[in-house]
N, C-alpha and C. Protein backbone atom coordinates (compact mmCIF):
# COMPACT_ATOMS: atom_id res chain seq x y z
N MET A 1 94.52 84.93 91.70
CA MET A 1 95.76 85.12 90.51
C MET A 1 96.19 84.01 90.39
N SER A 2 97.03 83.28 89.64
CA SER A 2 97.52 82.01 89.29
C SER A 2 98.73 82.27 88.85
N VAL A 3 99.76 81.41 88.88
CA VAL A 3 101.06 81.25 88.76
C VAL A 3 101.28 80.32 87.78
N THR A 4 101.53 80.93 86.35
CA THR A 4 102.14 79.60 85.60
C THR A 4 103.52 79.51 85.41
N MET A 5 103.82 78.40 84.99
CA MET A 5 105.43 77.90 85.34
C MET A 5 105.57 77.26 83.99
N SER A 6 106.78 77.80 83.15
CA SER A 6 107.29 76.73 82.29
C SER A 6 107.54 75.14 82.92
N LYS A 7 108.02 74.63 81.88
CA LYS A 7 108.14 72.71 82.26
C LYS A 7 109.78 72.81 82.49
N GLY A 8 109.87 72.23 83.76
CA GLY A 8 111.39 72.35 84.10
C GLY A 8 111.80 73.45 85.00
N LYS A 9 110.92 74.06 84.83
CA LYS A 9 111.30 75.24 86.24
C LYS A 9 110.80 75.22 87.26
N LYS A 10 111.10 75.50 88.57
CA LYS A 10 110.82 75.06 89.81
C LYS A 10 110.48 76.83 90.44
N SER A 11 109.60 76.79 90.91
CA SER A 11 109.50 78.21 91.78
C SER A 11 110.19 78.38 93.08
N VAL A 12 110.72 79.51 93.12
CA VAL A 12 111.26 79.75 94.47
C VAL A 12 110.29 80.67 95.71
N PHE A 13 108.97 80.94 95.23
CA PHE A 13 107.89 81.47 95.80
C PHE A 13 107.83 80.86 97.57
N PRO A 14 108.12 79.16 97.07
CA PRO A 14 107.67 78.54 98.79
C PRO A 14 108.83 78.32 99.73
N GLN A 15 110.00 78.57 98.94
CA GLN A 15 111.07 78.64 99.73
C GLN A 15 111.65 80.15 100.36
N LYS A 16 110.98 81.08 99.82
CA LYS A 16 111.12 82.23 100.42
C LYS A 16 110.29 82.31 101.39
N ARG A 17 109.09 81.60 101.32
CA ARG A 17 108.33 81.91 102.15
C ARG A 17 108.80 81.11 103.61
N VAL A 18 109.13 80.19 103.35
CA VAL A 18 109.85 79.49 104.26
C VAL A 18 111.25 79.90 105.06
N VAL A 19 111.71 80.46 104.46
CA VAL A 19 113.16 81.48 105.17
C VAL A 19 112.43 82.65 105.45
N GLY A 20 111.60 83.05 105.05
CA GLY A 20 111.05 84.27 105.54
C GLY A 20 110.32 83.90 107.09
N THR A 21 110.03 82.88 107.35
CA THR A 21 109.01 82.33 108.21
C THR A 21 110.32 82.06 109.37
N ILE A 22 111.32 81.35 108.87
CA ILE A 22 112.31 81.07 110.23
C ILE A 22 112.56 82.21 110.34
N ILE A 23 113.08 83.15 109.75
CA ILE A 23 113.56 84.56 110.24
C ILE A 23 112.85 85.32 110.88
N THR A 24 111.62 85.23 110.77
CA THR A 24 110.61 85.74 111.44
C THR A 24 110.51 84.82 112.87
N VAL A 25 110.51 83.52 113.18
CA VAL A 25 110.54 83.18 114.02
C VAL A 25 111.50 83.42 115.09
N VAL A 26 112.77 83.64 114.29
CA VAL A 26 114.10 83.57 114.99
C VAL A 26 113.91 85.09 115.85
N VAL A 27 113.73 86.11 114.62
CA VAL A 27 113.35 87.42 115.52
C VAL A 27 112.48 87.26 116.65
N LEU A 28 111.29 86.86 116.46
CA LEU A 28 111.00 87.24 117.60
C LEU A 28 111.21 86.21 118.84
N ALA A 29 111.39 85.06 118.48
CA ALA A 29 112.44 84.67 119.89
C ALA A 29 113.71 85.33 120.56
N ALA A 30 114.50 86.08 119.52
CA ALA A 30 115.24 86.79 120.16
C ALA A 30 114.64 88.15 120.88
N ALA A 31 113.55 88.85 120.38
CA ALA A 31 112.48 89.73 121.28
C ALA A 31 112.32 89.19 122.40
N GLY A 32 111.60 88.16 122.43
CA GLY A 32 111.08 87.46 123.56
C GLY A 32 111.92 87.25 125.02
N VAL A 33 113.25 87.12 124.48
CA VAL A 33 114.34 86.59 125.61
C VAL A 33 114.99 88.23 126.04
N LEU A 34 115.01 88.88 125.08
CA LEU A 34 115.17 90.13 125.74
C LEU A 34 114.16 90.92 126.36
N ALA A 35 113.20 90.63 126.36
CA ALA A 35 112.04 91.10 126.91
C ALA A 35 111.75 90.84 128.19
N TRP A 36 112.07 89.62 128.11
CA TRP A 36 112.07 88.37 129.56
C TRP A 36 113.37 88.97 130.56
N THR A 37 114.17 89.07 129.68
CA THR A 37 115.72 89.71 130.67
C THR A 37 115.36 90.84 130.98
N ILE A 38 114.49 91.82 130.24
CA ILE A 38 114.62 93.20 130.82
C ILE A 38 113.45 93.30 131.94
N LEU A 39 112.49 92.45 131.96
CA LEU A 39 111.65 92.50 133.03
C LEU A 39 111.70 91.47 134.23
N HIS A 40 112.43 90.57 134.05
CA HIS A 40 113.09 89.59 134.93
C HIS A 40 114.93 89.77 135.24
N PRO A 41 115.27 91.02 135.72
CA PRO A 41 116.58 91.20 135.84
C PRO A 41 116.89 90.25 136.99
N GLN A 42 118.42 89.60 136.69
CA GLN A 42 119.06 88.76 137.47
C GLN A 42 119.54 89.89 138.95
N PRO A 43 119.58 89.29 140.06
CA PRO A 43 119.83 90.16 141.13
C PRO A 43 121.09 90.40 141.25
N LYS A 44 121.75 91.20 141.58
CA LYS A 44 123.40 91.49 141.96
C LYS A 44 123.51 90.84 143.27
N THR A 45 124.82 90.06 143.02
CA THR A 45 125.42 89.44 144.21
C THR A 45 126.15 89.89 144.86
N THR A 46 126.10 89.73 145.87
CA THR A 46 126.58 90.49 147.55
C THR A 46 127.53 89.74 148.11
N THR A 47 128.24 90.21 148.64
CA THR A 47 129.15 88.89 149.52
C THR A 47 127.98 88.51 150.97
N LYS A 48 127.54 89.73 151.43
CA LYS A 48 126.18 89.02 152.54
C LYS A 48 124.90 89.75 152.33
N THR A 49 123.99 89.36 152.87
CA THR A 49 122.77 90.30 152.41
C THR A 49 121.96 89.62 153.73
N MET A 50 121.74 90.61 154.30
CA MET A 50 121.00 90.93 155.68
C MET A 50 119.67 91.22 155.89
N PRO A 51 118.87 90.76 156.20
CA PRO A 51 117.39 91.51 156.64
C PRO A 51 117.45 92.69 156.38
N LYS A 52 116.47 93.49 155.73
CA LYS A 52 116.10 94.96 155.66
C LYS A 52 115.53 95.44 157.31
N GLY A 53 116.04 96.67 157.67
CA GLY A 53 115.58 96.78 158.86
C GLY A 53 116.15 96.74 159.83
N ILE A 54 117.18 95.95 160.06
CA ILE A 54 117.85 95.55 161.22
C ILE A 54 118.96 96.86 161.36
N GLU A 55 119.12 97.54 160.65
CA GLU A 55 120.30 98.29 160.42
C GLU A 55 119.93 99.74 161.28
N ALA A 56 118.39 99.79 161.51
CA ALA A 56 117.47 100.93 162.07
C ALA A 56 118.18 101.57 163.01
N ARG A 57 118.92 100.53 163.89
CA ARG A 57 119.40 100.79 165.30
C ARG A 57 120.91 100.89 164.91
N SER A 58 121.72 102.23 165.81
CA SER A 58 122.72 102.29 165.11
C SER A 58 123.96 101.07 166.11
N VAL A 59 125.01 101.28 165.89
CA VAL A 59 125.39 100.11 166.72
C VAL A 59 126.42 100.74 167.69
N ASP A 60 126.05 102.31 168.01
CA ASP A 60 126.12 102.89 168.95
C ASP A 60 125.27 102.64 170.23
N ALA A 61 123.96 102.83 169.88
CA ALA A 61 122.57 102.67 170.60
C ALA A 61 122.80 101.19 170.87
N ILE A 62 122.86 100.11 170.35
CA ILE A 62 122.75 98.72 170.78
C ILE A 62 124.04 98.61 172.07
N ARG A 63 124.85 99.08 171.96
CA ARG A 63 126.14 98.84 172.84
C ARG A 63 125.66 99.82 173.95
N GLN A 64 124.97 100.55 173.77
CA GLN A 64 124.28 101.53 175.09
C GLN A 64 123.52 100.60 175.78
N ASP A 65 122.36 99.96 174.97
CA ASP A 65 121.51 99.05 176.01
C ASP A 65 122.20 98.10 176.39
N ILE A 66 123.22 96.79 175.57
CA ILE A 66 123.87 96.13 176.36
C ILE A 66 124.69 96.73 177.75
N GLY A 67 125.03 97.78 177.70
CA GLY A 67 125.84 98.14 178.66
C GLY A 67 124.65 98.48 180.08
N LYS A 68 123.28 98.77 179.54
CA LYS A 68 122.26 98.96 180.44
C LYS A 68 121.71 98.01 181.20
N THR A 69 121.61 96.77 180.50
CA THR A 69 121.23 95.34 181.05
C THR A 69 121.92 94.54 181.95
N THR A 70 121.20 93.86 182.78
CA THR A 70 122.07 92.51 183.21
C THR A 70 121.44 91.52 182.94
N ASP A 71 120.11 91.15 182.31
CA ASP A 71 119.57 89.90 182.10
C ASP A 71 120.39 89.43 181.05
N PRO A 72 120.98 88.09 181.54
CA PRO A 72 121.84 87.57 180.27
C PRO A 72 120.81 87.24 178.93
N THR A 73 119.40 86.90 179.23
CA THR A 73 118.82 86.51 177.94
C THR A 73 118.72 87.78 177.12
N LYS A 74 118.30 88.90 177.75
CA LYS A 74 118.11 90.33 176.83
C LYS A 74 119.81 90.57 176.48
N LYS A 75 120.65 90.43 176.95
CA LYS A 75 122.19 90.69 176.76
C LYS A 75 122.30 89.91 175.73
N SER A 76 122.17 88.47 175.67
CA SER A 76 122.74 88.07 174.67
C SER A 76 121.92 88.24 173.49
N ALA A 77 120.63 88.64 173.32
CA ALA A 77 119.98 88.73 171.91
C ALA A 77 120.25 90.45 171.78
N LEU A 78 121.19 91.30 172.50
CA LEU A 78 121.33 92.37 172.08
C LEU A 78 122.75 92.37 171.79
N TYR A 79 123.51 91.32 171.90
CA TYR A 79 125.00 90.99 171.39
C TYR A 79 124.41 90.43 169.82
N GLY A 80 123.71 89.21 169.61
CA GLY A 80 123.04 88.81 168.51
C GLY A 80 122.60 90.20 167.63
N GLU A 81 121.81 90.94 167.85
CA GLU A 81 121.71 92.30 167.12
C GLU A 81 122.80 93.17 166.33
N LEU A 82 123.77 92.98 167.70
CA LEU A 82 124.88 94.02 167.34
C LEU A 82 125.82 93.09 166.63
N THR A 83 126.02 91.88 166.47
CA THR A 83 126.20 91.01 165.32
C THR A 83 126.13 91.03 164.26
N THR A 84 124.68 91.16 163.67
CA THR A 84 124.11 91.69 162.55
C THR A 84 124.30 92.89 161.97
N ALA A 85 124.28 93.86 162.67
CA ALA A 85 124.28 95.36 162.68
C ALA A 85 126.06 95.15 162.20
N GLU A 86 127.32 94.84 162.82
CA GLU A 86 128.19 94.92 162.43
C GLU A 86 128.62 94.21 160.85
N GLN A 87 127.97 93.03 161.17
CA GLN A 87 127.74 92.24 160.07
C GLN A 87 127.61 92.51 158.38
N GLN A 88 126.42 93.32 158.43
CA GLN A 88 125.73 94.43 157.79
C GLN A 88 126.69 95.68 157.16
N LYS A 89 127.44 96.16 158.32
CA LYS A 89 128.56 96.93 157.91
C LYS A 89 129.81 96.80 157.22
N GLY A 90 129.78 95.40 157.35
CA GLY A 90 131.58 95.08 156.34
C GLY A 90 132.10 94.40 157.71
N ASN A 91 132.05 94.50 159.04
CA ASN A 91 132.92 94.72 159.60
C ASN A 91 132.51 93.18 160.51
N GLN A 92 133.58 92.00 159.75
CA GLN A 92 133.59 91.02 160.24
C GLN A 92 134.04 90.46 161.32
N ASP A 93 135.20 91.20 161.83
CA ASP A 93 135.75 90.87 162.99
C ASP A 93 135.20 91.21 164.29
N ALA A 94 134.12 92.54 164.13
CA ALA A 94 133.42 93.05 165.10
C ALA A 94 132.22 92.21 165.44
N ALA A 95 131.82 91.60 163.87
CA ALA A 95 130.60 90.65 164.08
C ALA A 95 130.79 89.51 164.96
N LEU A 96 131.94 88.93 164.85
CA LEU A 96 132.56 87.48 165.29
C LEU A 96 132.92 88.16 166.99
N GLU A 97 133.36 89.15 166.88
CA GLU A 97 133.44 89.51 168.79
C GLU A 97 131.89 89.53 169.26
N ALA A 98 131.50 90.48 168.81
CA ALA A 98 130.18 90.45 168.86
C ALA A 98 128.97 89.04 169.33
N SER A 99 129.48 88.06 168.42
CA SER A 99 128.62 86.61 168.33
C SER A 99 129.33 86.16 169.49
N MET A 100 130.70 86.12 169.56
CA MET A 100 131.39 85.30 170.33
C MET A 100 130.72 85.81 172.17
N ALA A 101 130.58 87.06 172.09
CA ALA A 101 130.08 87.83 173.59
C ALA A 101 128.60 87.09 173.63
N ALA A 102 127.77 87.23 172.56
CA ALA A 102 126.54 86.59 172.91
C ALA A 102 126.50 85.14 173.38
N THR A 103 127.26 83.99 172.92
CA THR A 103 127.49 83.02 173.45
C THR A 103 128.08 83.03 175.05
N ASP A 104 129.08 83.67 175.16
CA ASP A 104 129.60 83.84 176.35
C ASP A 104 128.49 84.27 177.59
N THR A 105 127.50 85.21 177.23
CA THR A 105 126.80 85.62 177.88
C THR A 105 125.55 84.49 178.31
N LYS A 106 125.53 83.86 177.11
CA LYS A 106 124.15 82.97 177.24
C LYS A 106 124.38 81.90 176.61
N ALA A 107 124.84 80.87 176.52
CA ALA A 107 125.11 79.74 175.49
C ALA A 107 123.94 79.30 174.96
N THR A 108 123.54 79.49 173.57
CA THR A 108 122.31 79.26 172.92
C THR A 108 122.83 78.27 171.48
N ALA A 109 122.32 77.56 171.07
CA ALA A 109 122.98 76.63 169.77
C ALA A 109 122.83 77.68 168.63
N THR A 110 121.78 78.80 168.36
CA THR A 110 121.69 79.72 167.56
C THR A 110 123.11 80.29 167.54
N GLY A 111 123.61 81.20 168.97
CA GLY A 111 124.50 81.78 168.79
C GLY A 111 125.86 81.09 168.41
N TYR A 112 125.78 79.67 168.75
CA TYR A 112 127.40 79.26 168.28
C TYR A 112 127.03 78.83 166.97
N ALA A 113 126.13 78.31 166.39
CA ALA A 113 125.48 78.50 164.57
C ALA A 113 126.17 79.46 164.13
N VAL A 114 125.71 80.83 164.70
CA VAL A 114 126.26 81.92 164.00
C VAL A 114 127.46 82.23 164.15
N THR A 115 128.27 82.06 165.20
CA THR A 115 129.65 81.97 165.36
C THR A 115 130.41 81.07 164.21
N ALA A 116 129.88 80.12 164.06
CA ALA A 116 130.69 78.53 163.32
C ALA A 116 130.47 79.54 162.01
N LEU A 117 129.44 79.95 161.38
CA LEU A 117 129.25 80.69 160.44
C LEU A 117 130.32 81.70 159.79
N LEU A 118 130.75 82.44 160.81
CA LEU A 118 131.48 83.80 160.87
C LEU A 118 132.55 83.21 160.81
N TYR A 119 133.02 82.24 161.50
CA TYR A 119 134.37 81.45 161.25
C TYR A 119 134.71 80.75 159.72
N GLN A 120 133.66 80.20 159.35
CA GLN A 120 133.55 79.29 158.41
C GLN A 120 133.67 80.28 157.22
N ASP A 121 133.23 81.63 157.21
CA ASP A 121 133.06 82.79 156.23
C ASP A 121 134.73 83.54 156.11
N LYS A 122 135.42 83.55 157.64
CA LYS A 122 136.97 83.96 157.63
C LYS A 122 137.71 82.73 157.13
N GLY A 123 137.18 81.84 156.97
CA GLY A 123 137.99 80.58 156.12
C GLY A 123 138.39 79.45 157.55
N ASP A 124 138.34 79.89 158.53
CA ASP A 124 138.71 78.82 159.79
C ASP A 124 137.97 77.54 159.94
N LYS A 125 138.39 76.80 159.39
CA LYS A 125 136.99 75.57 159.15
C LYS A 125 136.92 74.92 160.94
N ALA A 126 138.29 74.91 161.34
CA ALA A 126 138.67 74.04 162.43
C ALA A 126 137.62 74.79 163.79
N LYS A 127 137.77 75.94 163.45
CA LYS A 127 137.04 76.77 164.70
C LYS A 127 135.35 76.68 164.31
N ALA A 128 135.21 76.62 163.04
CA ALA A 128 133.71 76.48 162.53
C ALA A 128 132.99 74.92 162.85
N ILE A 129 133.91 74.30 162.76
CA ILE A 129 133.51 72.68 163.35
C ILE A 129 133.33 73.01 164.54
N GLU A 130 134.53 73.89 165.18
CA GLU A 130 134.29 73.15 166.72
C GLU A 130 132.98 74.12 167.54
N TYR A 131 132.52 75.22 166.98
CA TYR A 131 131.58 76.05 167.24
C TYR A 131 130.06 75.18 166.68
N PHE A 132 130.02 74.78 165.61
CA PHE A 132 128.91 73.77 165.36
C PHE A 132 128.62 72.59 166.33
N LYS A 133 129.70 71.91 166.45
CA LYS A 133 129.81 70.99 167.60
C LYS A 133 129.40 71.50 168.68
N LYS A 134 129.50 73.03 169.26
CA LYS A 134 128.80 73.18 170.37
C LYS A 134 127.06 73.60 170.30
N ALA A 135 126.97 73.88 169.13
CA ALA A 135 125.52 74.19 168.53
C ALA A 135 124.86 72.30 168.60
N VAL A 136 125.29 71.42 168.34
CA VAL A 136 124.92 70.49 168.22
C VAL A 136 124.64 69.66 169.75
N ALA A 137 125.59 70.17 170.52
CA ALA A 137 125.56 69.42 171.83
C ALA A 137 124.07 70.54 172.69
N LEU A 138 123.74 71.37 171.90
CA LEU A 138 122.91 71.85 173.16
C LEU A 138 121.32 71.78 172.19
N THR A 139 121.60 71.15 171.28
CA THR A 139 120.03 70.73 170.38
C THR A 139 119.91 69.01 170.56
N GLU A 140 119.09 68.72 171.08
CA GLU A 140 118.71 67.28 171.47
C GLU A 140 117.84 66.69 170.06
N PRO A 141 118.17 65.48 169.06
CA PRO A 141 117.13 64.99 168.49
C PRO A 141 115.91 64.47 169.09
N THR A 142 115.04 64.72 168.15
CA THR A 142 113.26 64.52 168.93
C THR A 142 112.71 63.71 167.80
N ASN A 143 111.59 63.25 168.16
CA ASN A 143 111.00 62.27 167.17
C ASN A 143 110.24 63.21 166.32
N ASP A 144 109.94 64.65 166.79
CA ASP A 144 109.63 65.90 165.23
C ASP A 144 110.38 66.24 164.85
N ALA A 145 110.03 65.73 163.45
CA ALA A 145 110.84 66.01 162.15
C ALA A 145 111.38 67.74 162.12
N ASP A 146 110.32 68.60 162.80
CA ASP A 146 110.73 69.58 162.25
C ASP A 146 111.65 70.20 163.26
N ALA A 147 111.71 69.60 164.62
CA ALA A 147 112.78 70.05 165.56
C ALA A 147 113.68 69.75 165.69
N ASN A 148 113.99 68.91 164.58
CA ASN A 148 115.18 68.32 164.39
C ASN A 148 116.02 68.80 163.20
N VAL A 149 115.53 69.70 162.57
CA VAL A 149 115.90 70.68 161.36
C VAL A 149 117.21 71.38 162.00
N PRO A 150 117.37 72.14 163.26
CA PRO A 150 118.73 72.68 163.36
C PRO A 150 119.92 71.78 163.55
N TYR A 151 119.17 70.50 164.42
CA TYR A 151 120.44 69.53 165.07
C TYR A 151 121.04 69.06 163.71
N ASN A 152 120.12 68.40 162.73
CA ASN A 152 120.68 67.91 161.10
C ASN A 152 121.22 69.05 160.63
N THR A 153 120.84 70.10 160.50
CA THR A 153 121.86 71.24 159.62
C THR A 153 122.95 71.25 160.42
N TYR A 154 123.02 71.59 161.68
CA TYR A 154 124.60 71.63 162.16
C TYR A 154 125.55 70.59 161.92
N LYS A 155 124.76 69.50 162.08
CA LYS A 155 125.44 67.92 161.64
C LYS A 155 126.16 68.02 160.23
N HIS A 156 125.19 68.32 159.20
CA HIS A 156 125.61 68.50 157.97
C HIS A 156 126.37 69.30 157.72
N TYR A 157 126.80 70.79 158.39
CA TYR A 157 127.65 71.47 158.31
C TYR A 157 128.92 70.74 158.87
N ILE A 158 129.13 70.27 159.66
CA ILE A 158 130.56 69.75 160.31
C ILE A 158 130.73 68.61 159.18
N ILE A 159 130.06 67.94 158.99
CA ILE A 159 130.72 67.21 157.84
C ILE A 159 130.90 67.70 156.75
N ALA A 160 130.29 68.63 156.32
CA ALA A 160 130.78 69.41 154.78
C ALA A 160 131.96 69.90 154.94
N LEU A 161 132.04 70.44 156.24
CA LEU A 161 133.66 71.25 156.64
C LEU A 161 135.10 70.22 156.68
N GLY A 162 134.42 68.87 156.74
CA GLY A 162 135.24 67.95 156.64
C GLY A 162 135.53 67.55 158.23
N GLY A 163 134.40 67.78 158.89
CA GLY A 163 135.10 67.34 160.79
C GLY A 163 133.83 65.79 160.33
N SER A 164 134.08 65.03 162.00
CA SER A 164 133.48 64.28 162.08
C SER A 164 132.56 64.40 163.53
N LEU A 165 131.41 63.56 163.73
CA LEU A 165 130.55 63.49 164.70
C LEU A 165 131.12 62.66 165.90
């Protein structure tokens, strides 16, 4: 079938095809974006995200185990577990208290860093810097780049919080 046109008249058929194609592309793109959004939902933000499975033991059970042991290393680890459990429950003050008890029982760089992070969350930059400095003091720089990660991380936190080394 052929289209015959009179002299001087333009066919609108090609323009309709272009407009139709553009509309189709826009609709397909919108459908693709919608499908992607549905299939890849964004995670909900929370104030604290803790590892799953830590909450398996109750705070009371952890406290009982702390009372039963005299080994400083084990007791410090239990206080660390208590810190996580309290933080997971939203008890930031109790988490800070447990973290400080862990470092009082056995001073570790990780314990001091956790305490520093808890102070940072409370908005107490001075205390956070103080505890990050304690963490730095317990970590020594080495020639091994992987071993230097905690040391450098603690130093960067101090600087980011406005402290000096």
